[in-house]
């Protein structure tokens, strides 16, 4: 009897910024995400739980990461921020419809 066993290992990276993602800090987040994507990571969870504020520069970084991940047959999932101001920005821009959203990083990981 022939038995074929295939072990699939999926690498999911969680990136958790700990402060505002705005015009002053978005470049640093973009660089880190670009580095991960260039290294072959295509499954990302961006944990925004501790992000109190996002602006258009921060949102642009998220969209760029999503586009690059999907081009590599991957995806980007977001964790809801705890701060209502940041949550409101995601809802107003309809990012909560573009990205798969989760309440925790663990929930986001399990949704892949």
PDB file of N, CA and C in Angstrom:
ATOM      1  N   UNK A   1       0.848  -1.179   0.000  1.00  0.00           N
ATOM      2  CA  UNK A   1       0.000   0.000   0.000  1.00  0.00           C
ATOM      3  C   UNK A   1       0.890   1.237   0.000  1.00  0.00           C
ATOM      4  N   UNK A   2       0.511   2.201  -0.813  1.00  0.00           N
ATOM      5  CA  UNK A   2       1.236   3.460  -0.861  1.00  0.00           C
ATOM      6  C   UNK A   2       0.518   4.482   0.019  1.00  0.00           C
ATOM      7  N   UNK A   3       1.261   5.138   0.878  1.00  0.00           N
ATOM      8  CA  UNK A   3       0.708   6.169   1.754  1.00  0.00           C
ATOM      9  C   UNK A   3       1.512   7.441   1.531  1.00  0.00           C
ATOM     10  N   UNK A   4       0.816   8.477   1.204  1.00  0.00           N
ATOM     11  CA  UNK A   4       1.475   9.762   0.978  1.00  0.00           C
ATOM     12  C   UNK A   4       1.099  10.697   2.122  1.00  0.00           C
ATOM     13  N   UNK A   5       2.114  11.228   2.752  1.00  0.00           N
ATOM     14  CA  UNK A   5       1.901  12.176   3.842  1.00  0.00           C
ATOM     15  C   UNK A   5       2.552  13.490   3.436  1.00  0.00           C
ATOM     16  N   UNK A   6       1.776  14.542   3.501  1.00  0.00           N
ATOM     17  CA  UNK A   6       2.288  15.858   3.159  1.00  0.00           C
ATOM     18  C   UNK A   6       2.087  16.769   4.356  1.00  0.00           C
ATOM     19  N   UNK A   7       3.158  17.352   4.802  1.00  0.00           N
ATOM     20  CA  UNK A   7       3.102  18.264   5.941  1.00  0.00           C
ATOM     21  C   UNK A   7       3.118  19.692   5.416  1.00  0.00           C
ATOM     22  N   UNK A   8       2.066  20.459   5.691  1.00  0.00           N
ATOM     23  CA  UNK A   8       1.971  21.847   5.242  1.00  0.00           C
ATOM     24  C   UNK A   8       2.217  22.761   6.431  1.00  0.00           C
ATOM     25  N   UNK A   9       3.216  23.578   6.306  1.00  0.00           N
ATOM     26  CA  UNK A   9       3.523  24.547   7.339  1.00  0.00           C
ATOM     27  C   UNK A   9       3.227  25.930   6.762  1.00  0.00           C
ATOM     28  N   UNK A  10       2.345  26.643   7.423  1.00  0.00           N
ATOM     29  CA  UNK A  10       1.969  27.975   6.974  1.00  0.00           C
ATOM     30  C   UNK A  10       2.553  28.979   7.957  1.00  0.00           C
ATOM     31  N   UNK A  11       3.300  29.924   7.432  1.00  0.00           N
ATOM     32  CA  UNK A  11       3.906  30.946   8.279  1.00  0.00           C
ATOM     33  C   UNK A  11       3.006  32.173   8.295  1.00  0.00           C
ATOM     34  N   UNK A  12       2.554  32.522   9.482  1.00  0.00           N
ATOM     35  CA  UNK A  12       1.752  33.725   9.674  1.00  0.00           C
ATOM     36  C   UNK A  12       2.516  34.624  10.633  1.00  0.00           C
ATOM     37  N   UNK A  13       2.741  35.859  10.235  1.00  0.00           N
ATOM     38  CA  UNK A  13       3.495  36.799  11.057  1.00  0.00           C
ATOM     39  C   UNK A  13       2.520  37.839  11.621  1.00  0.00           C
ATOM     40  N   UNK A  14       2.635  38.078  12.931  1.00  0.00           N
ATOM     41  CA  UNK A  14       1.837  39.106  13.593  1.00  0.00           C
ATOM     42  C   UNK A  14       2.716  40.324  13.807  1.00  0.00           C
ATOM     43  N   UNK A  15       2.257  41.469  13.315  1.00  0.00           N
ATOM     44  CA  UNK A  15       2.949  42.744  13.475  1.00  0.00           C
ATOM     45  C   UNK A  15       2.051  43.609  14.352  1.00  0.00           C
ATOM     46  N   UNK A  16       2.591  44.090  15.473  1.00  0.00           N
ATOM     47  CA  UNK A  16       1.768  44.825  16.434  1.00  0.00           C
ATOM     48  C   UNK A  16       2.383  46.189  16.766  1.00  0.00           C
ATOM     49  N   UNK A  17       2.032  47.226  15.998  1.00  0.00           N
ATOM     50  CA  UNK A  17       2.509  48.573  16.346  1.00  0.00           C
ATOM     51  C   UNK A  17       1.970  48.968  17.726  1.00  0.00           C
ATOM     52  N   UNK A  18       2.772  49.715  18.474  1.00  0.00           N
ATOM     53  CA  UNK A  18       2.401  50.047  19.847  1.00  0.00           C
ATOM     54  C   UNK A  18       2.098  51.526  20.062  1.00  0.00           C
ATOM     55  N   UNK A  19       1.942  52.270  18.968  1.00  0.00           N
ATOM     56  CA  UNK A  19       1.689  53.704  19.089  1.00  0.00           C
ATOM     57  C   UNK A  19       0.906  54.175  17.863  1.00  0.00           C
ATOM     58  N   UNK A  20       0.773  55.462  17.723  1.00  0.00           N
ATOM     59  CA  UNK A  20       0.075  56.040  16.577  1.00  0.00           C
ATOM     60  C   UNK A  20       0.692  55.574  15.268  1.00  0.00           C
ATOM     61  N   UNK A  21      -0.152  55.370  14.247  1.00  0.00           N
ATOM     62  CA  UNK A  21       0.330  55.082  12.899  1.00  0.00           C
ATOM     63  C   UNK A  21      -0.114  56.273  12.057  1.00  0.00           C
ATOM     64  N   UNK A  22       0.799  57.239  11.961  1.00  0.00           N
ATOM     65  CA  UNK A  22       0.479  58.490  11.287  1.00  0.00           C
ATOM     66  C   UNK A  22       1.628  58.885  10.368  1.00  0.00           C
ATOM     67  N   UNK A  23       1.577  60.085   9.847  1.00  0.00           N
ATOM     68  CA  UNK A  23       2.574  60.540   8.884  1.00  0.00           C
ATOM     69  C   UNK A  23       3.998  60.454   9.432  1.00  0.00           C
ATOM     70  N   UNK A  24       4.160  60.560  10.741  1.00  0.00           N
ATOM     71  CA  UNK A  24       5.495  60.519  11.343  1.00  0.00           C
ATOM     72  C   UNK A  24       6.010  59.102  11.538  1.00  0.00           C
ATOM     73  N   UNK A  25       5.135  58.142  11.726  1.00  0.00           N
ATOM     74  CA  UNK A  25       5.579  56.777  12.028  1.00  0.00           C
ATOM     75  C   UNK A  25       5.255  55.769  10.936  1.00  0.00           C
ATOM     76  N   UNK A  26       4.432  56.132   9.983  1.00  0.00           N
ATOM     77  CA  UNK A  26       3.996  55.178   8.950  1.00  0.00           C
ATOM     78  C   UNK A  26       5.160  54.642   8.134  1.00  0.00           C
ATOM     79  N   UNK A  27       6.164  55.481   7.889  1.00  0.00           N
ATOM     80  CA  UNK A  27       7.318  55.041   7.107  1.00  0.00           C
ATOM     81  C   UNK A  27       8.038  53.865   7.749  1.00  0.00           C
ATOM     82  N   UNK A  28       8.181  53.914   9.058  1.00  0.00           N
ATOM     83  CA  UNK A  28       8.840  52.817   9.773  1.00  0.00           C
ATOM     84  C   UNK A  28       8.036  51.521   9.661  1.00  0.00           C
ATOM     85  N   UNK A  29       6.716  51.618   9.807  1.00  0.00           N
ATOM     86  CA  UNK A  29       5.863  50.431   9.666  1.00  0.00           C
ATOM     87  C   UNK A  29       5.925  49.912   8.235  1.00  0.00           C
ATOM     88  N   UNK A  30       5.886  50.803   7.254  1.00  0.00           N
ATOM     89  CA  UNK A  30       5.966  50.399   5.851  1.00  0.00           C
ATOM     90  C   UNK A  30       7.268  49.646   5.578  1.00  0.00           C
ATOM     91  N   UNK A  31       8.377  50.163   6.081  1.00  0.00           N
ATOM     92  CA  UNK A  31       9.674  49.504   5.884  1.00  0.00           C
ATOM     93  C   UNK A  31       9.678  48.093   6.462  1.00  0.00           C
ATOM     94  N   UNK A  32       9.145  47.952   7.654  1.00  0.00           N
ATOM     95  CA  UNK A  32       9.131  46.631   8.306  1.00  0.00           C
ATOM     96  C   UNK A  32       8.243  45.658   7.541  1.00  0.00           C
ATOM     97  N   UNK A  33       7.066  46.115   7.116  1.00  0.00           N
ATOM     98  CA  UNK A  33       6.169  45.243   6.361  1.00  0.00           C
ATOM     99  C   UNK A  33       6.770  44.894   5.003  1.00  0.00           C
ATOM    100  N   UNK A  34       7.380  45.865   4.347  1.00  0.00           N
ATOM    101  CA  UNK A  34       8.034  45.608   3.058  1.00  0.00           C
ATOM    102  C   UNK A  34       9.130  44.560   3.214  1.00  0.00           C
ATOM    103  N   UNK A  35       9.885  44.651   4.309  1.00  0.00           N
ATOM    104  CA  UNK A  35      10.953  43.682   4.562  1.00  0.00           C
ATOM    105  C   UNK A  35      10.374  42.274   4.727  1.00  0.00           C
ATOM    106  N   UNK A  36       9.307  42.156   5.506  1.00  0.00           N
ATOM    107  CA  UNK A  36       8.679  40.843   5.707  1.00  0.00           C
ATOM    108  C   UNK A  36       8.153  40.283   4.387  1.00  0.00           C
ATOM    109  N   UNK A  37       7.498  41.127   3.607  1.00  0.00           N
ATOM    110  CA  UNK A  37       6.949  40.681   2.328  1.00  0.00           C
ATOM    111  C   UNK A  37       8.064  40.293   1.357  1.00  0.00           C
ATOM    112  N   UNK A  38       9.165  41.047   1.360  1.00  0.00           N
ATOM    113  CA  UNK A  38      10.296  40.726   0.487  1.00  0.00           C
ATOM    114  C   UNK A  38      10.955  39.402   0.886  1.00  0.00           C
ATOM    115  N   UNK A  39      10.863  39.047   2.163  1.00  0.00           N
ATOM    116  CA  UNK A  39      11.433  37.795   2.660  1.00  0.00           C
ATOM    117  C   UNK A  39      10.519  36.603   2.399  1.00  0.00           C
ATOM    118  N   UNK A  40       9.361  36.852   1.796  1.00  0.00           N
ATOM    119  CA  UNK A  40       8.467  35.762   1.442  1.00  0.00           C
ATOM    120  C   UNK A  40       7.264  35.575   2.338  1.00  0.00           C
ATOM    121  N   UNK A  41       7.117  36.404   3.340  1.00  0.00           N
ATOM    122  CA  UNK A  41       5.922  36.336   4.185  1.00  0.00           C
ATOM    123  C   UNK A  41       4.744  36.853   3.383  1.00  0.00           C
ATOM    124  N   UNK A  42       3.676  36.068   3.322  1.00  0.00           N
ATOM    125  CA  UNK A  42       2.493  36.528   2.592  1.00  0.00           C
ATOM    126  C   UNK A  42       1.230  36.490   3.454  1.00  0.00           C
ATOM    127  N   UNK A  43       1.340  35.958   4.647  1.00  0.00           N
ATOM    128  CA  UNK A  43       0.215  35.917   5.584  1.00  0.00           C
ATOM    129  C   UNK A  43       0.570  36.807   6.773  1.00  0.00           C
ATOM    130  N   UNK A  44      -0.118  37.942   6.876  1.00  0.00           N
ATOM    131  CA  UNK A  44       0.169  38.903   7.927  1.00  0.00           C
ATOM    132  C   UNK A  44      -1.068  39.189   8.755  1.00  0.00           C
ATOM    133  N   UNK A  45      -0.858  39.315  10.053  1.00  0.00           N
ATOM    134  CA  UNK A  45      -1.862  39.858  10.955  1.00  0.00           C
ATOM    135  C   UNK A  45      -1.274  41.148  11.484  1.00  0.00           C
ATOM    136  N   UNK A  46      -1.975  42.239  11.269  1.00  0.00           N
ATOM    137  CA  UNK A  46      -1.538  43.513  11.817  1.00  0.00           C
ATOM    138  C   UNK A  46      -2.448  43.817  13.004  1.00  0.00           C
ATOM    139  N   UNK A  47      -1.858  43.709  14.187  1.00  0.00           N
ATOM    140  CA  UNK A  47      -2.596  43.876  15.438  1.00  0.00           C
ATOM    141  C   UNK A  47      -2.594  45.354  15.810  1.00  0.00           C
ATOM    142  N   UNK A  48      -3.721  46.002  15.593  1.00  0.00           N
ATOM    143  CA  UNK A  48      -3.867  47.426  15.878  1.00  0.00           C
ATOM    144  C   UNK A  48      -4.425  47.670  17.281  1.00  0.00           C
ATOM    145  N   UNK A  49      -4.446  46.645  18.103  1.00  0.00           N
ATOM    146  CA  UNK A  49      -5.035  46.747  19.442  1.00  0.00           C
ATOM    147  C   UNK A  49      -4.525  47.909  20.261  1.00  0.00           C
ATOM    148  N   UNK A  50      -3.236  48.216  20.175  1.00  0.00           N
ATOM    149  CA  UNK A  50      -2.643  49.292  20.967  1.00  0.00           C
ATOM    150  C   UNK A  50      -2.379  50.555  20.160  1.00  0.00           C
ATOM    151  N   UNK A  51      -3.034  50.672  19.018  1.00  0.00           N
ATOM    152  CA  UNK A  51      -2.871  51.864  18.180  1.00  0.00           C
ATOM    153  C   UNK A  51      -4.007  52.838  18.506  1.00  0.00           C
ATOM    154  N   UNK A  52      -3.673  54.000  19.077  1.00  0.00           N
ATOM    155  CA  UNK A  52      -4.733  54.944  19.456  1.00  0.00           C
ATOM    156  C   UNK A  52      -5.239  55.800  18.305  1.00  0.00           C
ATOM    157  N   UNK A  53      -4.450  55.884  17.202  1.00  0.00           N
ATOM    158  CA  UNK A  53      -4.827  56.787  16.120  1.00  0.00           C
ATOM    159  C   UNK A  53      -4.206  56.319  14.809  1.00  0.00           C
ATOM    160  N   UNK A  54      -4.962  56.442  13.731  1.00  0.00           N
ATOM    161  CA  UNK A  54      -4.495  56.155  12.374  1.00  0.00           C
ATOM    162  C   UNK A  54      -4.842  57.355  11.509  1.00  0.00           C
ATOM    163  N   UNK A  55      -3.934  57.735  10.617  1.00  0.00           N
ATOM    164  CA  UNK A  55      -4.289  58.763   9.644  1.00  0.00           C
ATOM    165  C   UNK A  55      -4.137  58.197   8.241  1.00  0.00           C
ATOM    166  N   UNK A  56      -4.257  59.048   7.230  1.00  0.00           N
ATOM    167  CA  UNK A  56      -4.229  58.560   5.856  1.00  0.00           C
ATOM    168  C   UNK A  56      -2.906  57.895   5.502  1.00  0.00           C
ATOM    169  N   UNK A  57      -1.807  58.353   6.073  1.00  0.00           N
ATOM    170  CA  UNK A  57      -0.513  57.713   5.814  1.00  0.00           C
ATOM    171  C   UNK A  57      -0.502  56.290   6.378  1.00  0.00           C
ATOM    172  N   UNK A  58      -1.071  56.116   7.550  1.00  0.00           N
ATOM    173  CA  UNK A  58      -1.165  54.777   8.141  1.00  0.00           C
ATOM    174  C   UNK A  58      -2.075  53.867   7.343  1.00  0.00           C
ATOM    175  N   UNK A  59      -3.184  54.401   6.885  1.00  0.00           N
ATOM    176  CA  UNK A  59      -4.112  53.612   6.079  1.00  0.00           C
ATOM    177  C   UNK A  59      -3.469  53.201   4.763  1.00  0.00           C
ATOM    178  N   UNK A  60      -2.669  54.095   4.176  1.00  0.00           N
ATOM    179  CA  UNK A  60      -1.978  53.777   2.925  1.00  0.00           C
ATOM    180  C   UNK A  60      -1.000  52.612   3.113  1.00  0.00           C
ATOM    181  N   UNK A  61      -0.341  52.565   4.255  1.00  0.00           N
ATOM    182  CA  UNK A  61       0.579  51.454   4.552  1.00  0.00           C
ATOM    183  C   UNK A  61      -0.194  50.135   4.601  1.00  0.00           C
ATOM    184  N   UNK A  62      -1.359  50.149   5.221  1.00  0.00           N
ATOM    185  CA  UNK A  62      -2.172  48.931   5.321  1.00  0.00           C
ATOM    186  C   UNK A  62      -2.611  48.457   3.937  1.00  0.00           C
ATOM    187  N   UNK A  63      -3.064  49.374   3.102  1.00  0.00           N
ATOM    188  CA  UNK A  63      -3.509  49.012   1.755  1.00  0.00           C
ATOM    189  C   UNK A  63      -2.353  48.464   0.933  1.00  0.00           C
ATOM    190  N   UNK A  64      -1.197  49.100   1.045  1.00  0.00           N
ATOM    191  CA  UNK A  64      -0.025  48.638   0.313  1.00  0.00           C
ATOM    192  C   UNK A  64       0.353  47.218   0.724  1.00  0.00           C
ATOM    193  N   UNK A  65       0.337  46.943   2.013  1.00  0.00           N
ATOM    194  CA  UNK A  65       0.665  45.598   2.503  1.00  0.00           C
ATOM    195  C   UNK A  65      -0.356  44.580   1.997  1.00  0.00           C
ATOM    196  N   UNK A  66      -1.627  44.948   2.023  1.00  0.00           N
ATOM    197  CA  UNK A  66      -2.674  44.045   1.545  1.00  0.00           C
ATOM    198  C   UNK A  66      -2.471  43.722   0.066  1.00  0.00           C
ATOM    199  N   UNK A  67      -2.205  44.744  -0.733  1.00  0.00           N
ATOM    200  CA  UNK A  67      -2.008  44.543  -2.171  1.00  0.00           C
ATOM    201  C   UNK A  67      -0.824  43.618  -2.433  1.00  0.00           C
ATOM    202  N   UNK A  68       0.294  43.861  -1.773  1.00  0.00           N
ATOM    203  CA  UNK A  68       1.487  43.029  -1.983  1.00  0.00           C
ATOM    204  C   UNK A  68       1.272  41.605  -1.489  1.00  0.00           C
ATOM    205  N   UNK A  69       0.601  41.449  -0.365  1.00  0.00           N
ATOM    206  CA  UNK A  69       0.351  40.102   0.159  1.00  0.00           C
ATOM    207  C   UNK A  69      -0.557  39.321  -0.790  1.00  0.00           C
ATOM    208  N   UNK A  70      -1.582  39.967  -1.296  1.00  0.00           N
ATOM    209  CA  UNK A  70      -2.499  39.274  -2.213  1.00  0.00           C
ATOM    210  C   UNK A  70      -1.832  38.935  -3.539  1.00  0.00           C
ATOM    211  N   UNK A  71      -0.903  39.767  -3.992  1.00  0.00           N
ATOM    212  CA  UNK A  71      -0.151  39.446  -5.205  1.00  0.00           C
ATOM    213  C   UNK A  71       0.690  38.185  -5.002  1.00  0.00           C
ATOM    214  N   UNK A  72       1.047  37.897  -3.747  1.00  0.00           N
ATOM    215  CA  UNK A  72       1.831  36.701  -3.416  1.00  0.00           C
ATOM    216  C   UNK A  72       0.922  35.566  -2.935  1.00  0.00           C
ATOM    217  N   UNK A  73      -0.385  35.646  -3.275  1.00  0.00           N
ATOM    218  CA  UNK A  73      -1.389  34.653  -2.864  1.00  0.00           C
ATOM    219  C   UNK A  73      -1.548  34.562  -1.355  1.00  0.00           C
ATOM    220  N   UNK A  74      -1.353  35.676  -0.678  1.00  0.00           N
ATOM    221  CA  UNK A  74      -1.523  35.734   0.766  1.00  0.00           C
ATOM    222  C   UNK A  74      -2.651  36.667   1.136  1.00  0.00           C
ATOM    223  N   UNK A  75      -2.610  37.150   2.365  1.00  0.00           N
ATOM    224  CA  UNK A  75      -3.654  38.053   2.845  1.00  0.00           C
ATOM    225  C   UNK A  75      -3.140  38.808   4.061  1.00  0.00           C
ATOM    226  N   UNK A  76      -3.822  39.891   4.390  1.00  0.00           N
ATOM    227  CA  UNK A  76      -3.556  40.664   5.595  1.00  0.00           C
ATOM    228  C   UNK A  76      -4.856  40.746   6.373  1.00  0.00           C
ATOM    229  N   UNK A  77      -4.796  40.382   7.635  1.00  0.00           N
ATOM    230  CA  UNK A  77      -5.950  40.489   8.529  1.00  0.00           C
ATOM    231  C   UNK A  77      -5.615  41.539   9.585  1.00  0.00           C
ATOM    232  N   UNK A  78      -6.619  42.285  10.017  1.00  0.00           N
ATOM    233  CA  UNK A  78      -6.411  43.327  11.017  1.00  0.00           C
ATOM    234  C   UNK A  78      -7.099  42.962  12.325  1.00  0.00           C
ATOM    235  N   UNK A  79      -6.473  43.374  13.421  1.00  0.00           N
ATOM    236  CA  UNK A  79      -7.096  43.275  14.742  1.00  0.00           C
ATOM    237  C   UNK A  79      -7.621  44.662  15.083  1.00  0.00           C
ATOM    238  N   UNK A  80      -8.858  44.710  15.538  1.00  0.00           N
ATOM    239  CA  UNK A  80      -9.496  45.976  15.881  1.00  0.00           C
ATOM    240  C   UNK A  80      -8.691  46.729  16.940  1.00  0.00           C
ATOM    241  N   UNK A  81      -8.524  48.042  16.769  1.00  0.00           N
ATOM    242  CA  UNK A  81      -7.919  48.859  17.825  1.00  0.00           C
ATOM    243  C   UNK A  81      -8.853  48.912  19.033  1.00  0.00           C
ATOM    244  N   UNK A  82      -8.281  49.088  20.213  1.00  0.00           N
ATOM    245  CA  UNK A  82      -9.097  49.238  21.424  1.00  0.00           C
ATOM    246  C   UNK A  82      -9.696  50.645  21.509  1.00  0.00           C
ATOM    247  N   UNK A  83      -8.971  51.632  20.997  1.00  0.00           N
ATOM    248  CA  UNK A  83      -9.420  53.029  21.038  1.00  0.00           C
ATOM    249  C   UNK A  83     -10.538  53.267  20.033  1.00  0.00           C
ATOM    250  N   UNK A  84     -11.612  53.854  20.499  1.00  0.00           N
ATOM    251  CA  UNK A  84     -12.764  54.100  19.627  1.00  0.00           C
ATOM    252  C   UNK A  84     -12.428  55.032  18.472  1.00  0.00           C
ATOM    253  N   UNK A  85     -11.547  56.013  18.686  1.00  0.00           N
ATOM    254  CA  UNK A  85     -11.184  56.942  17.604  1.00  0.00           C
ATOM    255  C   UNK A  85     -10.558  56.184  16.431  1.00  0.00           C
ATOM    256  N   UNK A  86      -9.686  55.246  16.725  1.00  0.00           N
ATOM    257  CA  UNK A  86      -9.044  54.458  15.664  1.00  0.00           C
ATOM    258  C   UNK A  86     -10.040  53.508  15.014  1.00  0.00           C
ATOM    259  N   UNK A  87     -10.936  52.932  15.814  1.00  0.00           N
ATOM    260  CA  UNK A  87     -11.978  52.044  15.264  1.00  0.00           C
ATOM    261  C   UNK A  87     -12.875  52.824  14.301  1.00  0.00           C
ATOM    262  N   UNK A  88     -13.213  54.043  14.691  1.00  0.00           N
ATOM    263  CA  UNK A  88     -14.095  54.886  13.881  1.00  0.00           C
ATOM    264  C   UNK A  88     -13.466  55.168  12.519  1.00  0.00           C
ATOM    265  N   UNK A  89     -12.176  55.435  12.477  1.00  0.00           N
ATOM    266  CA  UNK A  89     -11.490  55.696  11.214  1.00  0.00           C
ATOM    267  C   UNK A  89     -11.601  54.487  10.288  1.00  0.00           C
ATOM    268  N   UNK A  90     -11.417  53.291  10.837  1.00  0.00           N
ATOM    269  CA  UNK A  90     -11.512  52.077  10.021  1.00  0.00           C
ATOM    270  C   UNK A  90     -12.925  51.875   9.481  1.00  0.00           C
ATOM    271  N   UNK A  91     -13.922  52.215  10.294  1.00  0.00           N
ATOM    272  CA  UNK A  91     -15.309  52.074   9.828  1.00  0.00           C
ATOM    273  C   UNK A  91     -15.654  53.142   8.800  1.00  0.00           C
ATOM    274  N   UNK A  92     -15.269  54.394   9.050  1.00  0.00           N
ATOM    275  CA  UNK A  92     -15.607  55.487   8.126  1.00  0.00           C
ATOM    276  C   UNK A  92     -14.970  55.293   6.756  1.00  0.00           C
ATOM    277  N   UNK A  93     -13.774  54.741   6.719  1.00  0.00           N
ATOM    278  CA  UNK A  93     -13.080  54.517   5.452  1.00  0.00           C
ATOM    279  C   UNK A  93     -13.444  53.161   4.844  1.00  0.00           C
ATOM    280  N   UNK A  94     -14.298  52.434   5.535  1.00  0.00           N
ATOM    281  CA  UNK A  94     -14.756  51.107   5.107  1.00  0.00           C
ATOM    282  C   UNK A  94     -13.623  50.080   5.030  1.00  0.00           C
ATOM    283  N   UNK A  95     -12.566  50.323   5.770  1.00  0.00           N
ATOM    284  CA  UNK A  95     -11.490  49.338   5.836  1.00  0.00           C
ATOM    285  C   UNK A  95     -11.986  48.055   6.487  1.00  0.00           C
ATOM    286  N   UNK A  96     -13.002  48.168   7.329  1.00  0.00           N
ATOM    287  CA  UNK A  96     -13.559  46.965   7.969  1.00  0.00           C
ATOM    288  C   UNK A  96     -14.286  46.081   6.961  1.00  0.00           C
ATOM    289  N   UNK A  97     -14.479  46.574   5.746  1.00  0.00           N
ATOM    290  CA  UNK A  97     -15.082  45.755   4.680  1.00  0.00           C
ATOM    291  C   UNK A  97     -14.032  45.269   3.681  1.00  0.00           C
ATOM    292  N   UNK A  98     -12.922  45.977   3.621  1.00  0.00           N
ATOM    293  CA  UNK A  98     -11.831  45.598   2.724  1.00  0.00           C
ATOM    294  C   UNK A  98     -10.973  44.513   3.367  1.00  0.00           C
ATOM    295  N   UNK A  99     -10.706  44.688   4.659  1.00  0.00           N
ATOM    296  CA  UNK A  99      -9.883  43.745   5.416  1.00  0.00           C
ATOM    297  C   UNK A  99     -10.766  42.822   6.242  1.00  0.00           C
ATOM    298  N   UNK A 100     -10.276  41.636   6.472  1.00  0.00           N
ATOM    299  CA  UNK A 100     -10.900  40.752   7.441  1.00  0.00           C
ATOM    300  C   UNK A 100     -10.488  41.255   8.819  1.00  0.00           C
ATOM    301  N   UNK A 101     -11.461  41.519   9.679  1.00  0.00           N
ATOM    302  CA  UNK A 101     -11.198  42.094  10.996  1.00  0.00           C
ATOM    303  C   UNK A 101     -11.434  41.049  12.076  1.00  0.00           C
ATOM    304  N   UNK A 102     -10.639  41.124  13.143  1.00  0.00           N
ATOM    305  CA  UNK A 102     -10.791  40.203  14.268  1.00  0.00           C
ATOM    306  C   UNK A 102     -10.617  40.991  15.565  1.00  0.00           C
ATOM    307  N   UNK A 103     -11.099  40.405  16.655  1.00  0.00           N
ATOM    308  CA  UNK A 103     -10.969  41.059  17.960  1.00  0.00           C
ATOM    309  C   UNK A 103      -9.623  40.783  18.622  1.00  0.00           C
ATOM    310  N   UNK A 104      -8.975  39.685  18.245  1.00  0.00           N
ATOM    311  CA  UNK A 104      -7.674  39.333  18.808  1.00  0.00           C
ATOM    312  C   UNK A 104      -6.774  38.787  17.699  1.00  0.00           C
ATOM    313  N   UNK A 105      -5.474  38.800  17.966  1.00  0.00           N
ATOM    314  CA  UNK A 105      -4.534  38.231  17.003  1.00  0.00           C
ATOM    315  C   UNK A 105      -4.782  36.742  16.823  1.00  0.00           C
ATOM    316  N   UNK A 106      -5.127  36.063  17.904  1.00  0.00           N
ATOM    317  CA  UNK A 106      -5.392  34.620  17.822  1.00  0.00           C
ATOM    318  C   UNK A 106      -6.583  34.337  16.914  1.00  0.00           C
ATOM    319  N   UNK A 107      -7.627  35.156  17.020  1.00  0.00           N
ATOM    320  CA  UNK A 107      -8.796  34.968  16.158  1.00  0.00           C
ATOM    321  C   UNK A 107      -8.428  35.239  14.693  1.00  0.00           C
ATOM    322  N   UNK A 108      -7.593  36.250  14.469  1.00  0.00           N
ATOM    323  CA  UNK A 108      -7.163  36.559  13.099  1.00  0.00           C
ATOM    324  C   UNK A 108      -6.346  35.407  12.526  1.00  0.00           C
ATOM    325  N   UNK A 109      -5.450  34.853  13.317  1.00  0.00           N
ATOM    326  CA  UNK A 109      -4.622  33.729  12.866  1.00  0.00           C
ATOM    327  C   UNK A 109      -5.492  32.545  12.507  1.00  0.00           C
ATOM    328  N   UNK A 110      -6.469  32.248  13.337  1.00  0.00           N
ATOM    329  CA  UNK A 110      -7.315  31.076  13.087  1.00  0.00           C
ATOM    330  C   UNK A 110      -8.224  31.264  11.880  1.00  0.00           C
ATOM    331  N   UNK A 111      -8.376  32.508  11.384  1.00  0.00           N
ATOM    332  CA  UNK A 111      -9.248  32.735  10.226  1.00  0.00           C
ATOM    333  C   UNK A 111      -8.537  32.521   8.897  1.00  0.00           C
ATOM    334  N   UNK A 112      -7.241  32.242   8.927  1.00  0.00           N
ATOM    335  CA  UNK A 112      -6.526  31.952   7.669  1.00  0.00           C
ATOM    336  C   UNK A 112      -6.893  30.589   7.150  1.00  0.00           C
TER     337      UNK A 112
END
